[in-house]
Amino acid sequence: MSLSGKPTRCRISTPLGRDLLIVGNGRRIVASNFVLPKRSPEKNPSDALLAEAREQVRAYFARRLRRFHVPLALEGTPFQVAAWRAVAALAFGEFVSYADVARAIGRPLAHRGVAFAMAKSPLDLFVPAHRVLGADGKMKGTKTGSIRARLFAFERR
């Protein structure tokens, strides 16, 4: 909820052919996902948190932002939250394996659990699952042309 008690939303156009819809509660980003673009123009965010998130997303797509610096509401199992935090700390263009994340969170044999956590992340882009790859350096569990594949290609350029 926002400070007024209502969730706030912001839709941001991206160069990926999808908009990024961000939901905040006035203190933290609680959800974000890529959605079909709307024909109506973007509206200015209704609160400071979403305005800051919008500026950071624009800086990311302009290649001027290495990491997002907005507070995130990460709600899941303790394992999922640990994996999401580790991945959210990765910089633009920094790619790791599922096993690397598992080792980083102190669960060296839990690479499959990391893959499951990445698939369940409620925060597209802010928890950059596209930076986590299989042991062979390839994307797993996604199709060519998916948002995740497009983000991966964007950062590899």
Protein backbone atom coordinates (compact mmCIF):
# COMPACT_ATOMS: atom_id res chain seq x y z
CA MET A 1 0.00 0.00 0.00
CA SER A 2 1.07 3.55 -0.53
CA LEU A 3 1.34 5.92 2.37
CA SER A 4 -2.32 6.69 1.62
CA GLY A 5 -3.20 2.98 1.89
CA LYS A 6 -3.53 2.20 -1.83
CA PRO A 7 -1.02 0.42 -4.05
CA THR A 8 0.46 2.68 -6.72
CA ARG A 9 1.32 1.69 -10.25
CA CYS A 10 3.56 3.01 -12.96
CA ARG A 11 3.85 1.80 -16.57
CA ILE A 12 7.15 2.45 -18.37
CA SER A 13 7.75 1.98 -22.09
CA THR A 14 10.85 -0.09 -22.90
CA PRO A 15 12.74 -0.84 -26.11
CA LEU A 16 11.84 -4.54 -25.73
CA GLY A 17 8.36 -4.28 -27.21
CA ARG A 18 6.79 -4.54 -23.75
CA ASP A 19 6.04 -2.04 -21.03
CA LEU A 20 7.30 -2.57 -17.50
CA LEU A 21 4.46 -2.33 -14.98
CA ILE A 22 5.73 -1.49 -11.49
CA VAL A 23 3.63 -1.66 -8.32
CA GLY A 24 4.73 0.09 -5.14
CA ASN A 25 3.41 0.50 -1.64
CA GLY A 26 4.94 3.91 -0.95
CA ARG A 27 7.98 2.37 0.71
CA ARG A 28 9.03 -0.53 -1.53
CA ILE A 29 8.55 -1.96 -4.99
CA VAL A 30 6.27 -4.96 -4.44
CA ALA A 31 5.88 -6.24 -8.01
CA SER A 32 7.04 -5.60 -11.53
CA ASN A 33 6.34 -7.42 -14.74
CA PHE A 34 6.53 -6.91 -18.45
CA VAL A 35 3.15 -6.40 -20.09
CA LEU A 36 1.81 -5.63 -23.54
CA PRO A 37 2.25 -1.95 -24.34
CA LYS A 38 -0.66 0.45 -24.08
CA ARG A 39 -1.42 2.97 -26.77
CA SER A 40 -2.10 5.69 -24.23
CA PRO A 41 0.84 7.87 -23.19
CA GLU A 42 2.74 7.24 -19.98
CA LYS A 43 1.47 9.11 -16.95
CA ASN A 44 3.74 10.61 -14.35
CA PRO A 45 4.09 8.32 -11.32
CA SER A 46 1.90 9.23 -8.39
CA ASP A 47 4.62 8.93 -5.75
CA ALA A 48 8.33 9.57 -5.27
CA LEU A 49 9.28 5.89 -5.11
CA LEU A 50 7.75 5.11 -8.49
CA ALA A 51 9.20 8.29 -9.98
CA GLU A 52 12.65 7.15 -8.84
CA ALA A 53 12.07 3.64 -10.16
CA ARG A 54 11.01 5.06 -13.53
CA GLU A 55 14.18 7.16 -13.75
CA GLN A 56 16.34 4.17 -12.87
CA VAL A 57 14.61 1.96 -15.47
CA ARG A 58 15.16 4.65 -18.11
CA ALA A 59 18.83 4.93 -17.08
CA TYR A 60 19.17 1.13 -17.31
CA PHE A 61 17.88 1.08 -20.89
CA ALA A 62 20.17 4.02 -21.71
CA ARG A 63 23.06 1.88 -20.35
CA ARG A 64 23.82 4.41 -17.60
CA LEU A 65 22.78 2.28 -14.61
CA ARG A 66 24.76 -0.75 -13.37
CA ARG A 67 22.46 -1.71 -10.45
CA PHE A 68 19.01 -0.69 -9.31
CA HIS A 69 18.87 1.24 -6.03
CA VAL A 70 15.23 1.16 -5.03
CA PRO A 71 13.86 -0.70 -2.01
CA LEU A 72 12.33 -4.03 -2.93
CA ALA A 73 9.70 -6.03 -1.04
CA LEU A 74 10.95 -9.59 -1.46
CA GLU A 75 8.32 -12.00 -0.18
CA GLY A 76 8.86 -15.73 -0.52
CA THR A 77 10.55 -18.55 1.29
CA PRO A 78 13.82 -17.71 3.07
CA PHE A 79 15.64 -19.61 0.30
CA GLN A 80 13.91 -17.67 -2.48
CA VAL A 81 14.55 -14.33 -0.78
CA ALA A 82 18.25 -15.18 -0.35
CA ALA A 83 18.54 -16.14 -4.03
CA TRP A 84 16.67 -13.01 -5.17
CA ARG A 85 18.88 -10.76 -3.04
CA ALA A 86 22.03 -12.34 -4.43
CA VAL A 87 20.82 -11.90 -8.00
CA ALA A 88 19.58 -8.34 -7.39
CA ALA A 89 23.15 -7.45 -6.35
CA LEU A 90 24.57 -8.43 -9.78
CA ALA A 91 25.69 -5.56 -11.99
CA PHE A 92 24.64 -4.84 -15.56
CA GLY A 93 26.33 -7.40 -17.84
CA GLU A 94 27.49 -9.61 -14.94
CA PHE A 95 26.37 -13.18 -15.61
CA VAL A 96 26.60 -16.12 -13.20
CA SER A 97 25.41 -19.71 -13.09
CA TYR A 98 22.65 -21.16 -10.94
CA ALA A 99 25.40 -23.04 -9.07
CA ASP A 100 27.26 -19.74 -8.44
CA VAL A 101 24.14 -18.29 -6.81
CA ALA A 102 23.61 -21.46 -4.78
CA ARG A 103 27.19 -21.26 -3.46
CA ALA A 104 26.82 -17.52 -2.75
CA ILE A 105 23.82 -18.14 -0.49
CA GLY A 106 25.46 -21.02 1.35
CA ARG A 107 23.51 -23.83 -0.34
CA PRO A 108 26.10 -25.20 -2.81
CA LEU A 109 23.99 -28.16 -3.98
CA ALA A 110 20.78 -26.19 -4.50
CA HIS A 111 21.24 -24.97 -8.08
CA ARG A 112 17.84 -26.41 -9.09
CA GLY A 113 16.23 -24.53 -6.22
CA VAL A 114 17.86 -21.33 -7.49
CA ALA A 115 16.43 -21.98 -10.95
CA PHE A 116 12.97 -22.44 -9.42
CA ALA A 117 13.37 -19.23 -7.38
CA MET A 118 14.34 -17.26 -10.50
CA ALA A 119 11.25 -18.56 -12.29
CA LYS A 120 9.08 -17.35 -9.39
CA SER A 121 10.57 -13.87 -8.94
CA PRO A 122 7.79 -11.27 -8.63
CA LEU A 123 10.15 -8.46 -9.62
CA ASP A 124 11.02 -8.58 -13.32
CA LEU A 125 14.13 -6.55 -14.12
CA PHE A 126 14.82 -5.55 -10.50
CA VAL A 127 15.72 -9.17 -9.73
CA PRO A 128 17.53 -9.82 -13.04
CA ALA A 129 16.93 -13.53 -13.62
CA HIS A 130 18.30 -13.05 -17.15
CA ARG A 131 21.78 -12.77 -15.60
CA VAL A 132 21.62 -16.33 -14.24
CA LEU A 133 22.64 -19.02 -16.72
CA GLY A 134 23.19 -22.75 -16.85
CA ALA A 135 26.61 -24.23 -16.13
CA ASP A 136 27.27 -24.25 -19.89
CA GLY A 137 26.80 -20.45 -20.08
CA LYS A 138 23.47 -20.72 -21.90
CA MET A 139 20.03 -19.53 -20.89
CA LYS A 140 17.80 -22.27 -19.54
CA GLY A 141 14.03 -22.55 -19.36
CA THR A 142 13.26 -19.75 -21.80
CA LYS A 143 12.43 -19.42 -25.46
CA THR A 144 14.21 -17.37 -28.09
CA GLY A 145 12.52 -13.97 -28.21
CA SER A 146 11.26 -14.10 -24.63
CA ILE A 147 11.69 -11.02 -22.46
CA ARG A 148 14.42 -12.80 -20.54
CA ALA A 149 16.26 -13.60 -23.79
CA ARG A 150 15.84 -10.00 -24.98
CA LEU A 151 17.24 -8.64 -21.71
CA PHE A 152 20.18 -11.05 -21.93
CA ALA A 153 20.90 -9.92 -25.52
CA PHE A 154 20.53 -6.25 -24.53
CA GLU A 155 23.16 -6.61 -21.81
CA ARG A 156 25.51 -8.73 -23.95
CA ARG A 157 25.75 -6.03 -26.65
